[in-house]
Amino acid sequence: MFNIFITIVLTVAIFASIAAWLNSQTILRELAEIKDHLGIKEERKKSFLDRDLDKD
């Protein structure tokens, strides 16, 4: 009985995480459209993560 409960909870959690990811992608897409409409250019800030030491 407890195993079934855990399985159901994990399944619901997986579906909720997928729904949250899709929602964040929709929000990012809408923000990009708003920025294009307002004429705001995207500025990339330099990051230490941009310097990949594995690139040869």
N, C-alpha and C. Protein backbone atom coordinates (compact mmCIF):
# COMPACT_ATOMS: atom_id res chain seq x y z
N MET A 1 0.83 -1.19 0.00
CA MET A 1 0.00 0.00 0.00
C MET A 1 0.87 1.26 0.00
N PHE A 2 1.91 1.22 0.81
CA PHE A 2 2.79 2.39 0.91
C PHE A 2 3.55 2.61 -0.40
N ASN A 3 3.93 1.53 -1.08
CA ASN A 3 4.64 1.63 -2.35
C ASN A 3 3.77 2.28 -3.42
N ILE A 4 2.48 1.97 -3.42
CA ILE A 4 1.57 2.58 -4.38
C ILE A 4 1.47 4.08 -4.12
N PHE A 5 1.39 4.46 -2.85
CA PHE A 5 1.31 5.88 -2.49
C PHE A 5 2.56 6.63 -2.94
N ILE A 6 3.72 6.06 -2.71
CA ILE A 6 4.98 6.68 -3.13
C ILE A 6 5.03 6.81 -4.65
N THR A 7 4.59 5.79 -5.36
CA THR A 7 4.58 5.81 -6.83
C THR A 7 3.67 6.92 -7.35
N ILE A 8 2.51 7.06 -6.76
CA ILE A 8 1.57 8.11 -7.17
C ILE A 8 2.15 9.48 -6.89
N VAL A 9 2.75 9.66 -5.74
CA VAL A 9 3.34 10.95 -5.38
C VAL A 9 4.48 11.31 -6.33
N LEU A 10 5.33 10.36 -6.65
CA LEU A 10 6.44 10.61 -7.56
C LEU A 10 5.94 10.92 -8.97
N THR A 11 4.91 10.23 -9.41
CA THR A 11 4.34 10.49 -10.73
C THR A 11 3.76 11.91 -10.81
N VAL A 12 3.04 12.30 -9.78
CA VAL A 12 2.48 13.65 -9.74
C VAL A 12 3.60 14.68 -9.70
N ALA A 13 4.66 14.41 -8.97
CA ALA A 13 5.79 15.34 -8.89
C ALA A 13 6.48 15.49 -10.25
N ILE A 14 6.62 14.40 -10.98
CA ILE A 14 7.24 14.47 -12.30
C ILE A 14 6.38 15.29 -13.25
N PHE A 15 5.07 15.05 -13.26
CA PHE A 15 4.18 15.84 -14.12
C PHE A 15 4.18 17.31 -13.73
N ALA A 16 4.24 17.60 -12.44
CA ALA A 16 4.28 18.99 -11.99
C ALA A 16 5.58 19.67 -12.41
N SER A 17 6.69 18.97 -12.38
CA SER A 17 7.96 19.58 -12.78
C SER A 17 7.98 19.83 -14.29
N ILE A 18 7.39 18.94 -15.07
CA ILE A 18 7.31 19.15 -16.52
C ILE A 18 6.41 20.35 -16.81
N ALA A 19 5.30 20.46 -16.11
CA ALA A 19 4.40 21.60 -16.31
C ALA A 19 5.08 22.91 -15.92
N ALA A 20 5.86 22.92 -14.86
CA ALA A 20 6.58 24.12 -14.46
C ALA A 20 7.62 24.51 -15.49
N TRP A 21 8.32 23.52 -16.06
CA TRP A 21 9.31 23.80 -17.09
C TRP A 21 8.65 24.40 -18.33
N LEU A 22 7.53 23.82 -18.75
CA LEU A 22 6.81 24.35 -19.91
C LEU A 22 6.31 25.77 -19.65
N ASN A 23 5.85 26.02 -18.43
CA ASN A 23 5.38 27.36 -18.08
C ASN A 23 6.53 28.37 -18.13
N SER A 24 7.70 27.99 -17.64
CA SER A 24 8.83 28.92 -17.66
C SER A 24 9.29 29.18 -19.10
N GLN A 25 9.22 28.16 -19.97
CA GLN A 25 9.57 28.37 -21.37
C GLN A 25 8.59 29.32 -22.04
N THR A 26 7.31 29.22 -21.72
CA THR A 26 6.30 30.12 -22.27
C THR A 26 6.55 31.55 -21.81
N ILE A 27 6.89 31.72 -20.55
CA ILE A 27 7.16 33.05 -20.01
C ILE A 27 8.39 33.65 -20.68
N LEU A 28 9.44 32.87 -20.85
CA LEU A 28 10.65 33.37 -21.51
C LEU A 28 10.37 33.76 -22.96
N ARG A 29 9.57 32.99 -23.66
CA ARG A 29 9.21 33.28 -25.04
C ARG A 29 8.41 34.59 -25.12
N GLU A 30 7.47 34.78 -24.19
CA GLU A 30 6.67 36.00 -24.17
C GLU A 30 7.54 37.21 -23.83
N LEU A 31 8.48 37.05 -22.92
CA LEU A 31 9.38 38.15 -22.58
C LEU A 31 10.25 38.54 -23.78
N ALA A 32 10.68 37.57 -24.55
CA ALA A 32 11.47 37.85 -25.75
C ALA A 32 10.64 38.64 -26.76
N GLU A 33 9.36 38.28 -26.91
CA GLU A 33 8.49 39.02 -27.82
C GLU A 33 8.28 40.45 -27.34
N ILE A 34 8.12 40.64 -26.05
CA ILE A 34 7.93 41.98 -25.48
C ILE A 34 9.19 42.82 -25.70
N LYS A 35 10.36 42.21 -25.48
CA LYS A 35 11.61 42.93 -25.70
C LYS A 35 11.77 43.33 -27.16
N ASP A 36 11.40 42.45 -28.08
CA ASP A 36 11.47 42.77 -29.50
C ASP A 36 10.51 43.91 -29.84
N HIS A 37 9.32 43.88 -29.27
CA HIS A 37 8.32 44.91 -29.53
C HIS A 37 8.79 46.27 -29.01
N LEU A 38 9.44 46.28 -27.86
CA LEU A 38 9.92 47.53 -27.27
C LEU A 38 11.26 47.97 -27.83
N GLY A 39 11.91 47.10 -28.59
CA GLY A 39 13.20 47.44 -29.18
C GLY A 39 14.36 47.34 -28.21
N ILE A 40 14.22 46.52 -27.20
CA ILE A 40 15.29 46.34 -26.21
C ILE A 40 16.26 45.30 -26.74
N LYS A 41 17.53 45.68 -26.82
CA LYS A 41 18.54 44.75 -27.28
C LYS A 41 19.02 43.89 -26.12
N GLU A 42 19.33 42.64 -26.43
CA GLU A 42 19.81 41.73 -25.40
C GLU A 42 21.30 41.96 -25.18
N GLU A 43 21.67 42.22 -23.94
CA GLU A 43 23.07 42.41 -23.59
C GLU A 43 23.56 41.18 -22.84
N ARG A 44 24.66 40.62 -23.31
CA ARG A 44 25.25 39.48 -22.62
C ARG A 44 26.35 39.97 -21.69
N LYS A 45 26.23 39.62 -20.45
CA LYS A 45 27.28 39.94 -19.50
C LYS A 45 28.31 38.83 -19.54
N LYS A 46 29.56 39.21 -19.43
CA LYS A 46 30.62 38.21 -19.44
C LYS A 46 30.56 37.39 -18.15
N SER A 47 30.85 36.13 -18.30
CA SER A 47 30.82 35.23 -17.17
C SER A 47 32.06 34.34 -17.21
N PHE A 48 32.49 33.91 -16.07
CA PHE A 48 33.63 33.00 -16.03
C PHE A 48 33.25 31.65 -16.65
N LEU A 49 31.98 31.38 -16.76
CA LEU A 49 31.55 30.11 -17.37
C LEU A 49 31.70 30.16 -18.89
N ASP A 50 31.85 31.35 -19.47
CA ASP A 50 32.03 31.46 -20.92
C ASP A 50 33.42 30.98 -21.34
N ARG A 51 34.36 31.00 -20.42
CA ARG A 51 35.73 30.57 -20.74
C ARG A 51 35.86 29.09 -20.43
N ASP A 52 35.56 28.28 -21.41
CA ASP A 52 35.64 26.84 -21.25
C ASP A 52 37.06 26.38 -21.52
N LEU A 53 37.68 25.77 -20.55
CA LEU A 53 39.07 25.36 -20.69
C LEU A 53 39.23 24.12 -21.56
N ASP A 54 38.13 23.43 -21.83
CA ASP A 54 38.20 22.23 -22.65
C ASP A 54 38.23 22.54 -24.14
N LYS A 55 37.92 23.77 -24.52
CA LYS A 55 37.94 24.14 -25.95
C LYS A 55 39.38 24.22 -26.41
N ASP A 56 39.65 23.55 -27.50
CA ASP A 56 41.02 23.57 -28.06
C ASP A 56 41.04 24.27 -29.39
